[in-house]
PDB file of N, CA and C in Angstrom:
ATOM      1  N   MET A   1     -15.653   6.882  18.385  1.00  0.00           N
ATOM      2  CA  MET A   1     -16.726   6.826  17.404  1.00  0.00           C
ATOM      3  C   MET A   1     -16.201   6.192  16.127  1.00  0.00           C
ATOM      4  N   GLY A   2     -15.946   4.899  16.148  1.00  0.00           N
ATOM      5  CA  GLY A   2     -15.429   4.185  14.996  1.00  0.00           C
ATOM      6  C   GLY A   2     -16.552   3.625  14.129  1.00  0.00           C
ATOM      7  N   LEU A   3     -16.144   3.053  13.047  1.00  0.00           N
ATOM      8  CA  LEU A   3     -17.107   2.421  12.161  1.00  0.00           C
ATOM      9  C   LEU A   3     -17.357   0.982  12.609  1.00  0.00           C
ATOM     10  N   GLY A   4     -18.603   0.651  12.760  1.00  0.00           N
ATOM     11  CA  GLY A   4     -18.969  -0.709  13.136  1.00  0.00           C
ATOM     12  C   GLY A   4     -19.110  -1.586  11.905  1.00  0.00           C
ATOM     13  N   PRO A   5     -19.397  -2.867  12.119  1.00  0.00           N
ATOM     14  CA  PRO A   5     -19.516  -3.784  10.989  1.00  0.00           C
ATOM     15  C   PRO A   5     -20.676  -3.441  10.052  1.00  0.00           C
ATOM     16  N   TRP A   6     -21.767  -2.906  10.594  1.00  0.00           N
ATOM     17  CA  TRP A   6     -22.888  -2.534   9.731  1.00  0.00           C
ATOM     18  C   TRP A   6     -22.538  -1.383   8.812  1.00  0.00           C
ATOM     19  N   GLU A   7     -21.864  -0.383   9.361  1.00  0.00           N
ATOM     20  CA  GLU A   7     -21.477   0.758   8.537  1.00  0.00           C
ATOM     21  C   GLU A   7     -20.496   0.345   7.448  1.00  0.00           C
ATOM     22  N   LEU A   8     -19.513  -0.501   7.813  1.00  0.00           N
ATOM     23  CA  LEU A   8     -18.541  -0.980   6.818  1.00  0.00           C
ATOM     24  C   LEU A   8     -19.244  -1.793   5.728  1.00  0.00           C
ATOM     25  N   GLY A   9     -20.213  -2.603   6.128  1.00  0.00           N
ATOM     26  CA  GLY A   9     -20.957  -3.401   5.140  1.00  0.00           C
ATOM     27  C   GLY A   9     -21.730  -2.530   4.170  1.00  0.00           C
ATOM     28  N   ILE A  10     -22.372  -1.495   4.692  1.00  0.00           N
ATOM     29  CA  ILE A  10     -23.132  -0.575   3.826  1.00  0.00           C
ATOM     30  C   ILE A  10     -22.198   0.146   2.871  1.00  0.00           C
ATOM     31  N   ILE A  11     -21.049   0.589   3.366  1.00  0.00           N
ATOM     32  CA  ILE A  11     -20.075   1.253   2.503  1.00  0.00           C
ATOM     33  C   ILE A  11     -19.605   0.305   1.411  1.00  0.00           C
ATOM     34  N   LEU A  12     -19.324  -0.951   1.769  1.00  0.00           N
ATOM     35  CA  LEU A  12     -18.873  -1.930   0.783  1.00  0.00           C
ATOM     36  C   LEU A  12     -19.909  -2.169  -0.285  1.00  0.00           C
ATOM     37  N   VAL A  13     -21.180  -2.273   0.095  1.00  0.00           N
ATOM     38  CA  VAL A  13     -22.251  -2.481  -0.880  1.00  0.00           C
ATOM     39  C   VAL A  13     -22.362  -1.290  -1.819  1.00  0.00           C
ATOM     40  N   ILE A  14     -22.270  -0.094  -1.304  1.00  0.00           N
ATOM     41  CA  ILE A  14     -22.357   1.108  -2.138  1.00  0.00           C
ATOM     42  C   ILE A  14     -21.182   1.155  -3.116  1.00  0.00           C
ATOM     43  N   VAL A  15     -19.983   0.842  -2.645  1.00  0.00           N
ATOM     44  CA  VAL A  15     -18.801   0.836  -3.518  1.00  0.00           C
ATOM     45  C   VAL A  15     -18.966  -0.213  -4.620  1.00  0.00           C
ATOM     46  N   LEU A  16     -19.465  -1.396  -4.266  1.00  0.00           N
ATOM     47  CA  LEU A  16     -19.680  -2.438  -5.269  1.00  0.00           C
ATOM     48  C   LEU A  16     -20.712  -2.009  -6.302  1.00  0.00           C
ATOM     49  N   LEU A  17     -21.755  -1.328  -5.869  1.00  0.00           N
ATOM     50  CA  LEU A  17     -22.766  -0.848  -6.804  1.00  0.00           C
ATOM     51  C   LEU A  17     -22.214   0.211  -7.759  1.00  0.00           C
ATOM     52  N   ILE A  18     -21.355   1.057  -7.251  1.00  0.00           N
ATOM     53  CA  ILE A  18     -20.796   2.137  -8.068  1.00  0.00           C
ATOM     54  C   ILE A  18     -19.756   1.596  -9.049  1.00  0.00           C
ATOM     55  N   PHE A  19     -18.812   0.818  -8.575  1.00  0.00           N
ATOM     56  CA  PHE A  19     -17.686   0.397  -9.396  1.00  0.00           C
ATOM     57  C   PHE A  19     -17.843  -0.973 -10.038  1.00  0.00           C
ATOM     58  N   GLY A  20     -18.548  -1.877  -9.421  1.00  0.00           N
ATOM     59  CA  GLY A  20     -18.655  -3.233  -9.931  1.00  0.00           C
ATOM     60  C   GLY A  20     -17.524  -4.099  -9.405  1.00  0.00           C
ATOM     61  N   VAL A  21     -17.761  -5.417  -9.411  1.00  0.00           N
ATOM     62  CA  VAL A  21     -16.800  -6.354  -8.826  1.00  0.00           C
ATOM     63  C   VAL A  21     -15.499  -6.378  -9.613  1.00  0.00           C
ATOM     64  N   GLY A  22     -15.569  -6.386 -10.937  1.00  0.00           N
ATOM     65  CA  GLY A  22     -14.351  -6.456 -11.759  1.00  0.00           C
ATOM     66  C   GLY A  22     -13.418  -5.298 -11.518  1.00  0.00           C
ATOM     67  N   ARG A  23     -13.994  -4.125 -11.418  1.00  0.00           N
ATOM     68  CA  ARG A  23     -13.175  -2.929 -11.223  1.00  0.00           C
ATOM     69  C   ARG A  23     -12.553  -2.928  -9.814  1.00  0.00           C
ATOM     70  N   ILE A  24     -13.311  -3.412  -8.833  1.00  0.00           N
ATOM     71  CA  ILE A  24     -12.798  -3.454  -7.447  1.00  0.00           C
ATOM     72  C   ILE A  24     -11.603  -4.400  -7.360  1.00  0.00           C
ATOM     73  N   THR A  25     -11.680  -5.551  -8.002  1.00  0.00           N
ATOM     74  CA  THR A  25     -10.541  -6.473  -7.946  1.00  0.00           C
ATOM     75  C   THR A  25      -9.325  -5.876  -8.650  1.00  0.00           C
ATOM     76  N   LYS A  26      -9.558  -5.158  -9.733  1.00  0.00           N
ATOM     77  CA  LYS A  26      -8.454  -4.504 -10.444  1.00  0.00           C
ATOM     78  C   LYS A  26      -7.809  -3.430  -9.558  1.00  0.00           C
ATOM     79  N   LEU A  27      -8.646  -2.648  -8.884  1.00  0.00           N
ATOM     80  CA  LEU A  27      -8.128  -1.620  -7.992  1.00  0.00           C
ATOM     81  C   LEU A  27      -7.356  -2.231  -6.823  1.00  0.00           C
ATOM     82  N   GLY A  28      -7.853  -3.338  -6.285  1.00  0.00           N
ATOM     83  CA  GLY A  28      -7.154  -4.019  -5.207  1.00  0.00           C
ATOM     84  C   GLY A  28      -5.808  -4.536  -5.644  1.00  0.00           C
ATOM     85  N   SER A  29      -5.763  -5.074  -6.844  1.00  0.00           N
ATOM     86  CA  SER A  29      -4.504  -5.583  -7.387  1.00  0.00           C
ATOM     87  C   SER A  29      -3.497  -4.431  -7.563  1.00  0.00           C
ATOM     88  N   GLU A  30      -3.959  -3.322  -8.114  1.00  0.00           N
ATOM     89  CA  GLU A  30      -3.076  -2.171  -8.324  1.00  0.00           C
ATOM     90  C   GLU A  30      -2.607  -1.599  -7.003  1.00  0.00           C
ATOM     91  N   LEU A  31      -3.482  -1.573  -6.002  1.00  0.00           N
ATOM     92  CA  LEU A  31      -3.102  -1.080  -4.693  1.00  0.00           C
ATOM     93  C   LEU A  31      -2.025  -1.979  -4.076  1.00  0.00           C
ATOM     94  N   GLY A  32      -2.192  -3.274  -4.229  1.00  0.00           N
ATOM     95  CA  GLY A  32      -1.181  -4.222  -3.711  1.00  0.00           C
ATOM     96  C   GLY A  32       0.180  -4.024  -4.368  1.00  0.00           C
ATOM     97  N   ARG A  33       0.175  -3.819  -5.676  1.00  0.00           N
ATOM     98  CA  ARG A  33       1.442  -3.570  -6.377  1.00  0.00           C
ATOM     99  C   ARG A  33       2.078  -2.249  -5.924  1.00  0.00           C
ATOM    100  N   SER A  34       1.240  -1.244  -5.698  1.00  0.00           N
ATOM    101  CA  SER A  34       1.751   0.045  -5.259  1.00  0.00           C
ATOM    102  C   SER A  34       2.389  -0.050  -3.865  1.00  0.00           C
ATOM    103  N   VAL A  35       1.738  -0.749  -2.962  1.00  0.00           N
ATOM    104  CA  VAL A  35       2.283  -0.923  -1.614  1.00  0.00           C
ATOM    105  C   VAL A  35       3.598  -1.709  -1.691  1.00  0.00           C
ATOM    106  N   SER A  36       3.640  -2.716  -2.518  1.00  0.00           N
ATOM    107  CA  SER A  36       4.857  -3.513  -2.678  1.00  0.00           C
ATOM    108  C   SER A  36       6.001  -2.661  -3.217  1.00  0.00           C
ATOM    109  N   ALA A  37       5.708  -1.842  -4.224  1.00  0.00           N
ATOM    110  CA  ALA A  37       6.735  -0.978  -4.790  1.00  0.00           C
ATOM    111  C   ALA A  37       7.207   0.062  -3.780  1.00  0.00           C
ATOM    112  N   PHE A  38       6.283   0.584  -2.979  1.00  0.00           N
ATOM    113  CA  PHE A  38       6.632   1.556  -1.943  1.00  0.00           C
ATOM    114  C   PHE A  38       7.574   0.923  -0.908  1.00  0.00           C
ATOM    115  N   ARG A  39       7.236  -0.269  -0.478  1.00  0.00           N
ATOM    116  CA  ARG A  39       8.074  -0.975   0.512  1.00  0.00           C
ATOM    117  C   ARG A  39       9.464  -1.252  -0.077  1.00  0.00           C
ATOM    118  N   GLN A  40       9.518  -1.639  -1.338  1.00  0.00           N
ATOM    119  CA  GLN A  40      10.808  -1.902  -1.982  1.00  0.00           C
ATOM    120  C   GLN A  40      11.634  -0.622  -2.056  1.00  0.00           C
ATOM    121  N   GLY A  41      10.967   0.491  -2.369  1.00  0.00           N
ATOM    122  CA  GLY A  41      11.656   1.781  -2.413  1.00  0.00           C
ATOM    123  C   GLY A  41      12.208   2.170  -1.063  1.00  0.00           C
ATOM    124  N   LEU A  42      11.442   1.931  -0.006  1.00  0.00           N
ATOM    125  CA  LEU A  42      11.942   2.218   1.345  1.00  0.00           C
ATOM    126  C   LEU A  42      13.160   1.365   1.676  1.00  0.00           C
ATOM    127  N   GLN A  43      13.096   0.097   1.323  1.00  0.00           N
ATOM    128  CA  GLN A  43      14.224  -0.809   1.601  1.00  0.00           C
ATOM    129  C   GLN A  43      15.448  -0.391   0.802  1.00  0.00           C
ATOM    130  N   ASP A  44      15.260  -0.001  -0.451  1.00  0.00           N
ATOM    131  CA  ASP A  44      16.383   0.465  -1.262  1.00  0.00           C
ATOM    132  C   ASP A  44      17.008   1.709  -0.657  1.00  0.00           C
ATOM    133  N   GLY A  45      16.173   2.621  -0.158  1.00  0.00           N
ATOM    134  CA  GLY A  45      16.684   3.827   0.482  1.00  0.00           C
ATOM    135  C   GLY A  45      17.473   3.509   1.733  1.00  0.00           C
ATOM    136  N   LYS A  46      16.981   2.570   2.542  1.00  0.00           N
ATOM    137  CA  LYS A  46      17.711   2.174   3.750  1.00  0.00           C
ATOM    138  C   LYS A  46      19.050   1.538   3.384  1.00  0.00           C
ATOM    139  N   ASP A  47      19.043   0.692   2.356  1.00  0.00           N
ATOM    140  CA  ASP A  47      20.286   0.049   1.926  1.00  0.00           C
ATOM    141  C   ASP A  47      21.286   1.077   1.433  1.00  0.00           C
ATOM    142  N   GLU A  48      20.796   2.084   0.708  1.00  0.00           N
ATOM    143  CA  GLU A  48      21.672   3.109   0.179  1.00  0.00           C
ATOM    144  C   GLU A  48      22.272   3.939   1.321  1.00  0.00           C
ATOM    145  N   LEU A  49      21.481   4.273   2.316  1.00  0.00           N
ATOM    146  CA  LEU A  49      21.993   5.005   3.466  1.00  0.00           C
ATOM    147  C   LEU A  49      23.030   4.190   4.230  1.00  0.00           C
ATOM    148  N   ALA A  50      22.763   2.900   4.386  1.00  0.00           N
ATOM    149  CA  ALA A  50      23.719   2.039   5.082  1.00  0.00           C
ATOM    150  C   ALA A  50      25.042   1.974   4.324  1.00  0.00           C
ATOM    151  N   ASP A  51      24.971   1.895   2.983  1.00  0.00           N
ATOM    152  CA  ASP A  51      26.186   1.873   2.180  1.00  0.00           C
ATOM    153  C   ASP A  51      26.982   3.171   2.324  1.00  0.00           C
ATOM    154  N   GLU A  52      26.267   4.295   2.344  1.00  0.00           N
ATOM    155  CA  GLU A  52      26.933   5.594   2.490  1.00  0.00           C
ATOM    156  C   GLU A  52      27.586   5.714   3.868  1.00  0.00           C
ATOM    157  N   GLU A  53      26.907   5.254   4.903  1.00  0.00           N
ATOM    158  CA  GLU A  53      27.468   5.306   6.259  1.00  0.00           C
ATOM    159  C   GLU A  53      28.686   4.419   6.364  1.00  0.00           C
ATOM    160  N   GLY A  54      28.645   3.265   5.706  1.00  0.00           N
ATOM    161  CA  GLY A  54      29.801   2.362   5.714  1.00  0.00           C
ATOM    162  C   GLY A  54      30.991   2.962   4.995  1.00  0.00           C
ATOM    163  N   ALA A  55      30.731   3.670   3.918  1.00  0.00           N
ATOM    164  CA  ALA A  55      31.816   4.306   3.173  1.00  0.00           C
ATOM    165  C   ALA A  55      32.428   5.447   3.983  1.00  0.00           C
ATOM    166  N   GLU A  56      31.620   6.177   4.724  1.00  0.00           N
ATOM    167  CA  GLU A  56      32.131   7.279   5.534  1.00  0.00           C
ATOM    168  C   GLU A  56      32.986   6.758   6.687  1.00  0.00           C
ATOM    169  N   LYS A  57      32.610   5.621   7.268  1.00  0.00           N
ATOM    170  CA  LYS A  57      33.373   5.074   8.376  1.00  0.00           C
ATOM    171  C   LYS A  57      34.723   4.547   7.910  1.00  0.00           C
ATOM    172  N   GLU A  58      34.799   4.051   6.678  1.00  0.00           N
ATOM    173  CA  GLU A  58      36.046   3.521   6.151  1.00  0.00           C
ATOM    174  C   GLU A  58      37.011   4.630   5.806  1.00  0.00           C
ATOM    175  N   ALA A  59      36.486   5.814   5.464  1.00  0.00           N
ATOM    176  CA  ALA A  59      37.336   6.945   5.036  1.00  0.00           C
ATOM    177  C   ALA A  59      37.998   7.629   6.180  1.00  0.00           C
TER     178      ALA A  59
END
């Protein structure tokens, strides 16, 4: 029981009416930055773990 194209279209129209186009683009931009920062944080965590594992193997 997924959402079809008509349901998604109706939801999009309602969201546009509530928030307006300018606010939606701003929210999309902020969401993109948040996802990018999250991915960078995950990569930094993986790099840090790899460095720690390398240091333990050398010791």
